[in-house]
Amino acid sequence: MADTAYYDILQSALPDSVFVERLVHGISWTAAVLSDGSVGVAMHTPGEMVPRMFGSLIGLPLNQAGQAMLSWNMEEASEAFAAVNAFYNNPTCGFLKPEAKTLDGIDLNDRTV
């Protein structure tokens, strides 16, 4: 069984009020645009060898789309990571600390990462 603790931490803060609006697939990167205007990217990992968890992440609430980070369908997992990155790249999520230094870490649910 895979340890999903880090994914669970990321998943736990994802809202149901923000939706995946658009996905753009590049050669090396996948980008996601959320309904609040946030944009994120993730490494594009080609591979549709197993069925997708969801037909499409477009239109799904972010907390549901984020579940696909654990998909064994690599295309879908790349899309999910881009969408999750879009959320965490937005200063309003409370995750970013502009004054932080590289070695400070971030405290999520009493865990420093």
Protein backbone atom coordinates (compact mmCIF):
# COMPACT_ATOMS: atom_id res chain seq x y z
CA MET A 1 0.00 0.00 0.00
CA ALA A 2 1.36 3.41 -0.96
CA ASP A 3 1.83 6.09 1.68
CA THR A 4 -0.47 8.93 0.64
CA ALA A 5 0.06 11.21 3.65
CA TYR A 6 1.49 14.12 1.64
CA TYR A 7 -1.30 13.88 -0.91
CA ASP A 8 -3.85 13.80 1.91
CA ILE A 9 -2.40 17.01 3.34
CA LEU A 10 -2.67 18.73 -0.05
CA GLN A 11 -6.16 17.34 -0.65
CA SER A 12 -7.51 18.38 2.76
CA ALA A 13 -7.50 22.11 1.99
CA LEU A 14 -8.99 21.99 -1.51
CA PRO A 15 -12.33 23.82 -1.74
CA ASP A 16 -15.51 22.66 -3.43
CA SER A 17 -16.32 26.23 -4.49
CA VAL A 18 -13.53 26.47 -7.09
CA PHE A 19 -13.76 24.49 -10.34
CA VAL A 20 -11.32 23.33 -12.99
CA GLU A 21 -12.10 25.61 -15.90
CA ARG A 22 -9.47 24.74 -18.49
CA LEU A 23 -6.57 22.36 -19.11
CA VAL A 24 -3.76 22.92 -21.58
CA HIS A 25 -1.44 20.05 -22.52
CA GLY A 26 2.06 20.84 -23.69
CA ILE A 27 4.94 18.55 -24.53
CA SER A 28 6.55 18.80 -21.10
CA TRP A 29 3.97 20.63 -18.98
CA THR A 30 0.25 20.60 -18.32
CA ALA A 31 -1.44 23.82 -17.21
CA ALA A 32 -4.72 24.25 -15.38
CA VAL A 33 -6.90 27.33 -15.03
CA LEU A 34 -9.35 27.45 -12.14
CA SER A 35 -12.65 29.31 -11.97
CA ASP A 36 -11.09 31.91 -9.64
CA GLY A 37 -8.46 32.74 -12.29
CA SER A 38 -5.61 30.86 -10.63
CA VAL A 39 -3.17 29.09 -12.93
CA GLY A 40 -0.87 26.19 -12.16
CA VAL A 41 1.44 23.88 -14.04
CA ALA A 42 2.76 20.39 -13.50
CA MET A 43 5.05 18.08 -15.38
CA HIS A 44 3.22 16.42 -18.26
CA THR A 45 3.50 12.68 -17.98
CA PRO A 46 2.01 10.99 -21.03
CA GLY A 47 0.26 7.71 -20.51
CA GLU A 48 -3.35 6.64 -20.86
CA MET A 49 -2.67 2.96 -20.18
CA VAL A 50 -5.31 2.58 -17.48
CA PRO A 51 -8.82 4.06 -17.30
CA ARG A 52 -9.23 7.58 -15.93
CA MET A 53 -10.85 8.10 -12.53
CA PHE A 54 -12.99 10.86 -14.08
CA GLY A 55 -14.02 11.34 -17.70
CA SER A 56 -12.62 14.88 -17.55
CA LEU A 57 -11.46 17.15 -14.74
CA ILE A 58 -12.95 20.18 -16.50
CA GLY A 59 -15.99 21.39 -14.60
CA LEU A 60 -15.23 19.37 -11.47
CA PRO A 61 -14.91 21.04 -8.06
CA LEU A 62 -11.25 21.24 -7.12
CA ASN A 63 -11.64 19.02 -4.06
CA GLN A 64 -12.97 16.26 -6.35
CA ALA A 65 -10.49 16.82 -9.19
CA GLY A 66 -7.62 16.73 -6.68
CA GLN A 67 -8.40 13.09 -5.96
CA ALA A 68 -6.92 12.30 -9.37
CA MET A 69 -3.43 13.11 -8.06
CA LEU A 70 -3.44 9.42 -7.12
CA SER A 71 -4.66 8.23 -10.52
CA TRP A 72 -2.58 5.58 -12.24
CA ASN A 73 -3.55 7.28 -15.50
CA MET A 74 -0.51 9.55 -15.86
CA GLU A 75 -2.25 12.14 -18.07
CA GLU A 76 -5.02 12.52 -15.51
CA ALA A 77 -2.58 12.71 -12.58
CA SER A 78 -0.64 15.49 -14.39
CA GLU A 79 -3.88 17.43 -14.89
CA ALA A 80 -4.81 17.02 -11.24
CA PHE A 81 -1.40 18.20 -10.04
CA ALA A 82 -1.61 21.26 -12.29
CA ALA A 83 -5.03 22.10 -10.82
CA VAL A 84 -3.84 21.59 -7.24
CA ASN A 85 -0.74 23.70 -7.97
CA ALA A 86 -3.01 26.45 -9.27
CA PHE A 87 -4.78 26.54 -5.92
CA TYR A 88 -1.60 26.59 -3.87
CA ASN A 89 0.04 29.19 -6.16
CA ASN A 90 -2.69 31.68 -5.27
CA PRO A 91 -1.79 33.96 -2.34
CA THR A 92 -5.38 33.86 -1.05
CA CYS A 93 -5.11 30.14 -0.18
CA GLY A 94 -3.01 31.01 2.88
CA PHE A 95 -0.24 28.59 1.94
CA LEU A 96 2.21 31.08 0.45
CA LYS A 97 4.37 33.08 2.81
CA PRO A 98 6.10 35.82 0.79
CA GLU A 99 8.34 36.65 3.74
CA ALA A 100 9.46 33.02 4.16
CA LYS A 101 12.98 31.90 3.48
CA THR A 102 13.67 28.64 1.70
CA LEU A 103 14.50 26.70 4.86
CA ASP A 104 11.53 27.93 6.94
CA GLY A 105 9.13 25.19 5.82
CA ILE A 106 5.37 25.49 5.78
CA ASP A 107 3.14 24.24 8.59
CA LEU A 108 0.10 22.35 7.29
CA ASN A 109 -2.19 20.72 9.81
CA ASP A 110 0.59 20.77 12.40
CA ARG A 111 3.07 19.21 9.98
CA THR A 112 6.03 21.18 8.68
CA VAL A 113 6.85 20.43 5.08
